[in-house]
Amino acid sequence: MTYVIEGLSPDHFAPLFAMSDAELADRNARRVTATADRGFPCRVSLEDARVGEELILLHHTSHDVATPYRSAYAIYVRPDVVAARYRDEPPPVFAGRPIALRAFDADGMLQTARLAGPGEADAAIRDLFADAAISYIDAHHAAHGCFAARVTRN
């Protein structure tokens, strides 16, 4: 069994970087600057921004389904990065962080969930996908609860 973890498409977010702070505020978004090399995880590159890098903090619907499990929360995105793609390995943004894994069926209904400690995401993902009813997994940063990335079968 193999899996893929992909960053969000940068095309959706690119226009935000040309907006004024007032225009961003109208969309409940903010321009921020990373103040540390960790703690500003980009959902496009699936890497943490470095000190001094500009990001947009915005509200994002990560699980856009017509079920009670529809989900949205704040995420960071960086400009001028390509969407990451990791096959059979977690991305750098998972390293050293506890990750909450929410496993859904094809109808967007939660079937089970798992908390993976630092270094445990790969094994937990494989274990969840051992169940044929699991269609995809949404990974969230456990401490803050924000969406990290979608994991799909390959």
N, C-alpha and C. Protein backbone atom coordinates (compact mmCIF):
# COMPACT_ATOMS: atom_id res chain seq x y z
N MET A 1 0.84 -1.18 0.00
CA MET A 1 0.00 0.00 0.00
C MET A 1 0.88 1.24 0.00
N THR A 2 0.59 2.14 -0.91
CA THR A 2 1.33 3.40 -0.95
C THR A 2 0.36 4.56 -0.77
N TYR A 3 0.92 5.70 -0.38
CA TYR A 3 0.09 6.88 -0.18
C TYR A 3 0.84 8.12 -0.68
N VAL A 4 0.07 9.19 -0.86
CA VAL A 4 0.62 10.46 -1.32
C VAL A 4 0.11 11.57 -0.40
N ILE A 5 0.99 12.49 -0.06
CA ILE A 5 0.62 13.68 0.69
C ILE A 5 1.00 14.87 -0.19
N GLU A 6 0.02 15.69 -0.54
CA GLU A 6 0.26 16.82 -1.44
C GLU A 6 -0.10 18.13 -0.76
N GLY A 7 0.70 19.16 -1.06
CA GLY A 7 0.39 20.51 -0.61
C GLY A 7 -0.77 21.06 -1.41
N LEU A 8 -1.39 22.09 -0.88
CA LEU A 8 -2.49 22.74 -1.58
C LEU A 8 -1.96 23.47 -2.82
N SER A 9 -2.81 23.66 -3.80
CA SER A 9 -2.42 24.35 -5.03
C SER A 9 -2.11 25.82 -4.75
N PRO A 10 -0.96 26.29 -5.18
CA PRO A 10 -0.62 27.70 -4.95
C PRO A 10 -1.48 28.65 -5.78
N ASP A 11 -2.08 28.18 -6.86
CA ASP A 11 -2.89 29.03 -7.72
C ASP A 11 -4.06 29.67 -6.97
N HIS A 12 -4.62 28.93 -6.06
CA HIS A 12 -5.77 29.42 -5.29
C HIS A 12 -5.37 30.60 -4.40
N PHE A 13 -4.14 30.63 -3.93
CA PHE A 13 -3.71 31.62 -2.96
C PHE A 13 -2.90 32.77 -3.55
N ALA A 14 -2.36 32.60 -4.74
CA ALA A 14 -1.49 33.60 -5.36
C ALA A 14 -2.10 35.00 -5.36
N PRO A 15 -3.38 35.18 -5.71
CA PRO A 15 -3.94 36.54 -5.73
C PRO A 15 -3.91 37.25 -4.38
N LEU A 16 -3.89 36.50 -3.30
CA LEU A 16 -3.89 37.11 -1.97
C LEU A 16 -2.65 37.97 -1.74
N PHE A 17 -1.53 37.59 -2.30
CA PHE A 17 -0.28 38.29 -2.03
C PHE A 17 -0.22 39.66 -2.70
N ALA A 18 -1.09 39.91 -3.68
CA ALA A 18 -1.16 41.22 -4.34
C ALA A 18 -2.17 42.14 -3.65
N MET A 19 -2.92 41.63 -2.71
CA MET A 19 -3.95 42.42 -2.04
C MET A 19 -3.36 43.31 -0.96
N SER A 20 -4.05 44.41 -0.72
CA SER A 20 -3.67 45.30 0.38
C SER A 20 -4.07 44.64 1.70
N ASP A 21 -3.55 45.18 2.79
CA ASP A 21 -3.92 44.65 4.10
C ASP A 21 -5.42 44.81 4.34
N ALA A 22 -6.01 45.89 3.86
CA ALA A 22 -7.45 46.11 4.02
C ALA A 22 -8.25 45.07 3.23
N GLU A 23 -7.80 44.78 2.01
CA GLU A 23 -8.49 43.76 1.20
C GLU A 23 -8.38 42.38 1.86
N LEU A 24 -7.22 42.09 2.41
CA LEU A 24 -7.06 40.82 3.12
C LEU A 24 -7.99 40.77 4.33
N ALA A 25 -8.06 41.86 5.07
CA ALA A 25 -8.91 41.91 6.25
C ALA A 25 -10.38 41.68 5.89
N ASP A 26 -10.79 42.19 4.73
CA ASP A 26 -12.16 41.97 4.26
C ASP A 26 -12.45 40.49 4.04
N ARG A 27 -11.41 39.71 3.84
CA ARG A 27 -11.53 38.26 3.62
C ARG A 27 -11.12 37.46 4.86
N ASN A 28 -11.03 38.17 5.99
CA ASN A 28 -10.60 37.55 7.26
C ASN A 28 -9.23 36.91 7.14
N ALA A 29 -8.33 37.56 6.42
CA ALA A 29 -6.96 37.08 6.24
C ALA A 29 -6.00 38.16 6.72
N ARG A 30 -4.78 37.76 6.97
CA ARG A 30 -3.74 38.69 7.44
C ARG A 30 -2.40 38.36 6.79
N ARG A 31 -1.63 39.40 6.51
CA ARG A 31 -0.25 39.23 6.07
C ARG A 31 0.60 39.15 7.35
N VAL A 32 1.44 38.14 7.44
CA VAL A 32 2.29 37.98 8.62
C VAL A 32 3.72 37.70 8.18
N THR A 33 4.63 37.89 9.11
CA THR A 33 6.04 37.59 8.87
C THR A 33 6.47 36.55 9.90
N ALA A 34 7.11 35.50 9.44
CA ALA A 34 7.58 34.45 10.34
C ALA A 34 8.59 35.03 11.32
N THR A 35 8.38 34.78 12.59
CA THR A 35 9.28 35.27 13.63
C THR A 35 10.18 34.17 14.18
N ALA A 36 10.04 32.97 13.63
CA ALA A 36 10.86 31.82 14.03
C ALA A 36 10.95 30.87 12.83
N ASP A 37 11.92 29.99 12.86
CA ASP A 37 12.08 29.02 11.77
C ASP A 37 11.12 27.84 11.92
N ARG A 38 10.34 27.84 12.95
CA ARG A 38 9.36 26.78 13.20
C ARG A 38 8.10 27.44 13.77
N GLY A 39 6.96 26.93 13.34
CA GLY A 39 5.72 27.48 13.87
C GLY A 39 4.88 28.21 12.83
N PHE A 40 5.38 28.26 11.59
CA PHE A 40 4.65 28.88 10.49
C PHE A 40 4.61 27.88 9.32
N PRO A 41 3.84 26.80 9.47
CA PRO A 41 3.83 25.73 8.47
C PRO A 41 3.02 26.09 7.22
N CYS A 42 3.68 26.15 6.09
CA CYS A 42 3.04 26.46 4.81
C CYS A 42 2.30 25.23 4.31
N ARG A 43 1.03 25.40 3.94
CA ARG A 43 0.23 24.27 3.47
C ARG A 43 0.39 24.00 1.99
N VAL A 44 1.20 24.81 1.32
CA VAL A 44 1.51 24.56 -0.09
C VAL A 44 2.81 23.76 -0.19
N SER A 45 3.88 24.29 0.41
CA SER A 45 5.19 23.64 0.34
C SER A 45 5.35 22.51 1.35
N LEU A 46 4.50 22.50 2.37
CA LEU A 46 4.57 21.53 3.48
C LEU A 46 5.90 21.61 4.21
N GLU A 47 6.41 22.83 4.28
CA GLU A 47 7.63 23.15 5.04
C GLU A 47 7.32 24.35 5.91
N ASP A 48 8.06 24.49 7.01
CA ASP A 48 7.93 25.68 7.83
C ASP A 48 8.60 26.86 7.13
N ALA A 49 7.98 28.03 7.21
CA ALA A 49 8.61 29.25 6.72
C ALA A 49 9.81 29.56 7.62
N ARG A 50 10.74 30.30 7.09
CA ARG A 50 11.92 30.72 7.86
C ARG A 50 11.72 32.14 8.38
N VAL A 51 12.47 32.50 9.40
CA VAL A 51 12.39 33.84 9.97
C VAL A 51 12.46 34.89 8.86
N GLY A 52 11.55 35.83 8.89
CA GLY A 52 11.54 36.93 7.93
C GLY A 52 10.69 36.67 6.69
N GLU A 53 10.27 35.43 6.46
CA GLU A 53 9.45 35.14 5.28
C GLU A 53 8.03 35.65 5.48
N GLU A 54 7.45 36.15 4.40
CA GLU A 54 6.07 36.62 4.39
C GLU A 54 5.13 35.45 4.16
N LEU A 55 4.02 35.47 4.85
CA LEU A 55 2.96 34.48 4.67
C LEU A 55 1.61 35.18 4.73
N ILE A 56 0.61 34.49 4.26
CA ILE A 56 -0.76 34.92 4.47
C ILE A 56 -1.40 33.91 5.42
N LEU A 57 -2.05 34.41 6.45
CA LEU A 57 -2.81 33.60 7.39
C LEU A 57 -4.28 33.80 7.02
N LEU A 58 -4.95 32.70 6.68
CA LEU A 58 -6.32 32.81 6.22
C LEU A 58 -7.19 31.67 6.72
N HIS A 59 -8.47 31.87 6.63
CA HIS A 59 -9.45 30.83 6.96
C HIS A 59 -9.60 29.95 5.73
N HIS A 60 -9.50 28.62 5.91
CA HIS A 60 -9.52 27.69 4.78
C HIS A 60 -10.43 26.51 5.10
N THR A 61 -11.31 26.20 4.16
CA THR A 61 -12.16 25.02 4.30
C THR A 61 -11.38 23.83 3.76
N SER A 62 -10.93 22.98 4.65
CA SER A 62 -10.09 21.84 4.26
C SER A 62 -10.91 20.59 3.95
N HIS A 63 -12.06 20.49 4.57
CA HIS A 63 -12.90 19.30 4.36
C HIS A 63 -14.27 19.79 3.92
N ASP A 64 -14.37 20.07 2.63
CA ASP A 64 -15.57 20.69 2.06
C ASP A 64 -16.53 19.61 1.59
N VAL A 65 -17.25 19.03 2.55
CA VAL A 65 -18.18 17.94 2.27
C VAL A 65 -19.54 18.28 2.88
N ALA A 66 -20.57 17.67 2.34
CA ALA A 66 -21.93 17.88 2.85
C ALA A 66 -22.23 16.85 3.94
N THR A 67 -21.42 16.87 4.98
CA THR A 67 -21.61 15.99 6.13
C THR A 67 -21.36 16.81 7.40
N PRO A 68 -21.67 16.26 8.55
CA PRO A 68 -21.36 16.97 9.80
C PRO A 68 -19.85 17.18 10.01
N TYR A 69 -19.02 16.54 9.20
CA TYR A 69 -17.57 16.62 9.37
C TYR A 69 -16.92 17.71 8.51
N ARG A 70 -17.73 18.57 7.90
CA ARG A 70 -17.16 19.69 7.16
C ARG A 70 -16.27 20.46 8.13
N SER A 71 -15.10 20.88 7.65
CA SER A 71 -14.13 21.48 8.57
C SER A 71 -13.40 22.65 7.92
N ALA A 72 -13.13 23.67 8.74
CA ALA A 72 -12.37 24.83 8.29
C ALA A 72 -11.61 25.41 9.48
N TYR A 73 -10.47 26.00 9.19
CA TYR A 73 -9.65 26.59 10.24
C TYR A 73 -8.59 27.47 9.58
N ALA A 74 -7.78 28.11 10.38
CA ALA A 74 -6.73 28.98 9.87
C ALA A 74 -5.54 28.17 9.34
N ILE A 75 -4.96 28.64 8.24
CA ILE A 75 -3.74 28.05 7.69
C ILE A 75 -2.80 29.17 7.24
N TYR A 76 -1.53 28.83 7.10
CA TYR A 76 -0.53 29.73 6.51
C TYR A 76 -0.19 29.25 5.10
N VAL A 77 0.04 30.21 4.21
CA VAL A 77 0.57 29.91 2.88
C VAL A 77 1.66 30.93 2.55
N ARG A 78 2.66 30.47 1.81
CA ARG A 78 3.76 31.35 1.38
C ARG A 78 3.63 31.64 -0.11
N PRO A 79 4.18 32.76 -0.57
CA PRO A 79 4.14 33.08 -2.00
C PRO A 79 5.25 32.34 -2.75
N ASP A 80 5.03 32.19 -4.03
CA ASP A 80 6.07 31.70 -4.94
C ASP A 80 6.68 30.36 -4.54
N VAL A 81 5.84 29.45 -4.06
CA VAL A 81 6.29 28.09 -3.77
C VAL A 81 5.44 27.13 -4.59
N VAL A 82 5.99 25.97 -4.86
CA VAL A 82 5.25 24.96 -5.61
C VAL A 82 4.61 23.98 -4.62
N ALA A 83 3.54 23.36 -5.08
CA ALA A 83 2.87 22.38 -4.23
C ALA A 83 3.76 21.17 -4.05
N ALA A 84 3.99 20.83 -2.80
CA ALA A 84 4.82 19.67 -2.48
C ALA A 84 4.07 18.38 -2.78
N ARG A 85 4.83 17.33 -3.00
CA ARG A 85 4.25 16.00 -3.20
C ARG A 85 5.21 14.98 -2.58
N TYR A 86 4.70 14.27 -1.60
CA TYR A 86 5.49 13.25 -0.90
C TYR A 86 4.80 11.91 -1.08
N ARG A 87 5.57 10.94 -1.49
CA ARG A 87 5.04 9.59 -1.69
C ARG A 87 5.65 8.65 -0.67
N ASP A 88 4.79 8.03 0.10
CA ASP A 88 5.20 7.03 1.10
C ASP A 88 6.14 7.57 2.17
N GLU A 89 6.04 8.86 2.42
CA GLU A 89 6.79 9.46 3.53
C GLU A 89 6.13 10.76 3.93
N PRO A 90 6.15 11.06 5.22
CA PRO A 90 5.57 12.32 5.68
C PRO A 90 6.43 13.51 5.24
N PRO A 91 5.82 14.67 5.05
CA PRO A 91 6.56 15.86 4.67
C PRO A 91 7.32 16.45 5.86
N PRO A 92 8.26 17.36 5.60
CA PRO A 92 9.04 17.97 6.69
C PRO A 92 8.18 18.65 7.75
N VAL A 93 7.04 19.19 7.36
CA VAL A 93 6.20 19.92 8.31
C VAL A 93 5.60 18.99 9.38
N PHE A 94 5.61 17.69 9.17
CA PHE A 94 5.14 16.75 10.19
C PHE A 94 6.23 16.46 11.23
N ALA A 95 7.48 16.67 10.89
CA ALA A 95 8.61 16.29 11.75
C ALA A 95 8.55 16.97 13.11
N GLY A 96 8.67 16.18 14.15
CA GLY A 96 8.74 16.71 15.50
C GLY A 96 7.43 17.21 16.06
N ARG A 97 6.33 16.96 15.35
CA ARG A 97 5.02 17.44 15.80
C ARG A 97 4.08 16.25 15.98
N PRO A 98 3.22 16.31 16.98
CA PRO A 98 2.15 15.31 17.04
C PRO A 98 1.13 15.65 15.95
N ILE A 99 0.68 14.63 15.25
CA ILE A 99 -0.25 14.81 14.13
C ILE A 99 -1.53 14.02 14.41
N ALA A 100 -2.66 14.69 14.29
CA ALA A 100 -3.95 14.03 14.41
C ALA A 100 -4.37 13.59 13.01
N LEU A 101 -4.69 12.32 12.86
CA LEU A 101 -5.07 11.76 11.57
C LEU A 101 -6.54 11.38 11.62
N ARG A 102 -7.32 11.99 10.74
CA ARG A 102 -8.76 11.74 10.68
C ARG A 102 -9.05 10.97 9.40
N ALA A 103 -9.53 9.75 9.54
CA ALA A 103 -9.72 8.84 8.40
C ALA A 103 -11.18 8.84 7.97
N PHE A 104 -11.41 9.14 6.68
CA PHE A 104 -12.76 9.28 6.15
C PHE A 104 -13.05 8.25 5.07
N ASP A 105 -14.34 7.91 4.94
CA ASP A 105 -14.76 7.06 3.83
C ASP A 105 -15.03 7.93 2.61
N ALA A 106 -15.43 7.31 1.52
CA ALA A 106 -15.64 8.03 0.26
C ALA A 106 -16.77 9.05 0.34
N ASP A 107 -17.65 8.92 1.32
CA ASP A 107 -18.76 9.87 1.49
C ASP A 107 -18.41 11.03 2.42
N GLY A 108 -17.16 11.08 2.88
CA GLY A 108 -16.75 12.16 3.77
C GLY A 108 -17.15 11.98 5.21
N MET A 109 -17.47 10.75 5.56
CA MET A 109 -17.84 10.45 6.95
C MET A 109 -16.62 9.91 7.70
N LEU A 110 -16.40 10.45 8.88
CA LEU A 110 -15.29 10.00 9.71
C LEU A 110 -15.50 8.55 10.12
N GLN A 111 -14.49 7.73 9.90
CA GLN A 111 -14.55 6.31 10.28
C GLN A 111 -13.74 6.04 11.54
N THR A 112 -12.60 6.69 11.66
CA THR A 112 -11.75 6.52 12.82
C THR A 112 -10.73 7.65 12.83
N ALA A 113 -9.96 7.73 13.89
CA ALA A 113 -8.93 8.76 14.00
C ALA A 113 -7.78 8.22 14.82
N ARG A 114 -6.65 8.83 14.65
CA ARG A 114 -5.44 8.37 15.35
C ARG A 114 -4.58 9.57 15.67
N LEU A 115 -3.96 9.56 16.82
CA LEU A 115 -2.98 10.57 17.18
C LEU A 115 -1.61 9.93 16.99
N ALA A 116 -0.78 10.55 16.14
CA ALA A 116 0.57 10.05 15.87
C ALA A 116 1.57 11.00 16.52
N GLY A 117 2.39 10.46 17.39
CA GLY A 117 3.44 11.26 18.00
C GLY A 117 4.54 11.57 16.99
N PRO A 118 5.49 12.42 17.35
CA PRO A 118 6.59 12.72 16.45
C PRO A 118 7.26 11.43 15.95
N GLY A 119 7.41 11.32 14.64
CA GLY A 119 8.03 10.16 14.03
C GLY A 119 7.11 8.97 13.82
N GLU A 120 5.84 9.08 14.18
CA GLU A 120 4.91 7.96 14.08
C GLU A 120 3.90 8.09 12.94
N ALA A 121 3.92 9.18 12.20
CA ALA A 121 2.88 9.44 11.18
C ALA A 121 2.87 8.37 10.09
N ASP A 122 4.02 7.98 9.58
CA ASP A 122 4.06 7.01 8.49
C ASP A 122 3.38 5.70 8.89
N ALA A 123 3.74 5.17 10.03
CA ALA A 123 3.15 3.90 10.48
C ALA A 123 1.66 4.04 10.73
N ALA A 124 1.25 5.16 11.30
CA ALA A 124 -0.17 5.37 11.58
C ALA A 124 -0.98 5.50 10.30
N ILE A 125 -0.43 6.19 9.30
CA ILE A 125 -1.11 6.31 8.00
C ILE A 125 -1.28 4.94 7.37
N ARG A 126 -0.22 4.17 7.35
CA ARG A 126 -0.29 2.82 6.76
C ARG A 126 -1.30 1.95 7.49
N ASP A 127 -1.33 2.06 8.81
CA ASP A 127 -2.27 1.27 9.60
C ASP A 127 -3.71 1.68 9.28
N LEU A 128 -3.97 2.97 9.17
CA LEU A 128 -5.32 3.43 8.85
C LEU A 128 -5.75 2.97 7.45
N PHE A 129 -4.85 3.03 6.49
CA PHE A 129 -5.17 2.62 5.13
C PHE A 129 -5.27 1.09 4.99
N ALA A 130 -4.90 0.34 6.00
CA ALA A 130 -5.10 -1.11 5.96
C ALA A 130 -6.59 -1.44 5.92
N ASP A 131 -7.41 -0.51 6.36
CA ASP A 131 -8.86 -0.66 6.29
C ASP A 131 -9.32 -0.16 4.92
N ALA A 132 -9.85 -1.04 4.10
CA ALA A 132 -10.27 -0.69 2.73
C ALA A 132 -11.37 0.37 2.71
N ALA A 133 -12.09 0.56 3.79
CA ALA A 133 -13.16 1.55 3.84
C ALA A 133 -12.63 2.98 3.93
N ILE A 134 -11.35 3.12 4.27
CA ILE A 134 -10.76 4.46 4.39
C ILE A 134 -10.37 4.95 3.00
N SER A 135 -10.97 6.08 2.61
CA SER A 135 -10.71 6.66 1.30
C SER A 135 -9.57 7.68 1.34
N TYR A 136 -9.54 8.48 2.40
CA TYR A 136 -8.49 9.50 2.54
C TYR A 136 -8.37 9.87 4.01
N ILE A 137 -7.27 10.54 4.31
CA ILE A 137 -6.97 10.94 5.69
C ILE A 137 -6.64 12.43 5.68
N ASP A 138 -7.25 13.17 6.57
CA ASP A 138 -6.86 14.56 6.76
C ASP A 138 -5.96 14.63 7.99
N ALA A 139 -4.77 15.16 7.78
CA ALA A 139 -3.80 15.32 8.87
C ALA A 139 -3.93 16.73 9.43
N HIS A 140 -3.92 16.83 10.75
CA HIS A 140 -4.02 18.12 11.43
C HIS A 140 -2.88 18.21 12.44
N HIS A 141 -2.39 19.42 12.65
CA HIS A 141 -1.42 19.65 13.71
C HIS A 141 -2.19 19.52 15.02
N ALA A 142 -1.83 18.54 15.81
CA ALA A 142 -2.62 18.17 16.98
C ALA A 142 -2.76 19.30 18.00
N ALA A 143 -1.70 20.03 18.26
CA ALA A 143 -1.76 21.05 19.30
C ALA A 143 -2.71 22.19 18.95
N HIS A 144 -2.64 22.68 17.73
CA HIS A 144 -3.47 23.81 17.32
C HIS A 144 -4.75 23.39 16.61
N GLY A 145 -4.79 22.16 16.12
CA GLY A 145 -5.98 21.65 15.46
C GLY A 145 -6.13 22.04 14.01
N CYS A 146 -5.16 22.76 13.46
CA CYS A 146 -5.28 23.24 12.09
C CYS A 146 -4.89 22.17 11.07
N PHE A 147 -5.54 22.25 9.92
CA PHE A 147 -5.29 21.32 8.81
C PHE A 147 -3.83 21.39 8.40
N ALA A 148 -3.21 20.23 8.20
CA ALA A 148 -1.83 20.15 7.74
C ALA A 148 -1.76 19.72 6.29
N ALA A 149 -2.45 18.62 5.93
CA ALA A 149 -2.40 18.11 4.56
C ALA A 149 -3.37 16.96 4.42
N ARG A 150 -3.72 16.67 3.18
CA ARG A 150 -4.55 15.50 2.88
C ARG A 150 -3.64 14.36 2.46
N VAL A 151 -3.99 13.15 2.90
CA VAL A 151 -3.27 11.94 2.55
C VAL A 151 -4.22 11.07 1.73
N THR A 152 -3.79 10.67 0.54
CA THR A 152 -4.63 9.84 -0.31
C THR A 152 -3.89 8.55 -0.66
N ARG A 153 -4.67 7.54 -1.00
CA ARG A 153 -4.07 6.29 -1.48
C ARG A 153 -3.42 6.56 -2.82
N ASN A 154 -2.33 5.85 -3.08
CA ASN A 154 -1.67 6.01 -4.38
C ASN A 154 -1.88 4.75 -5.20
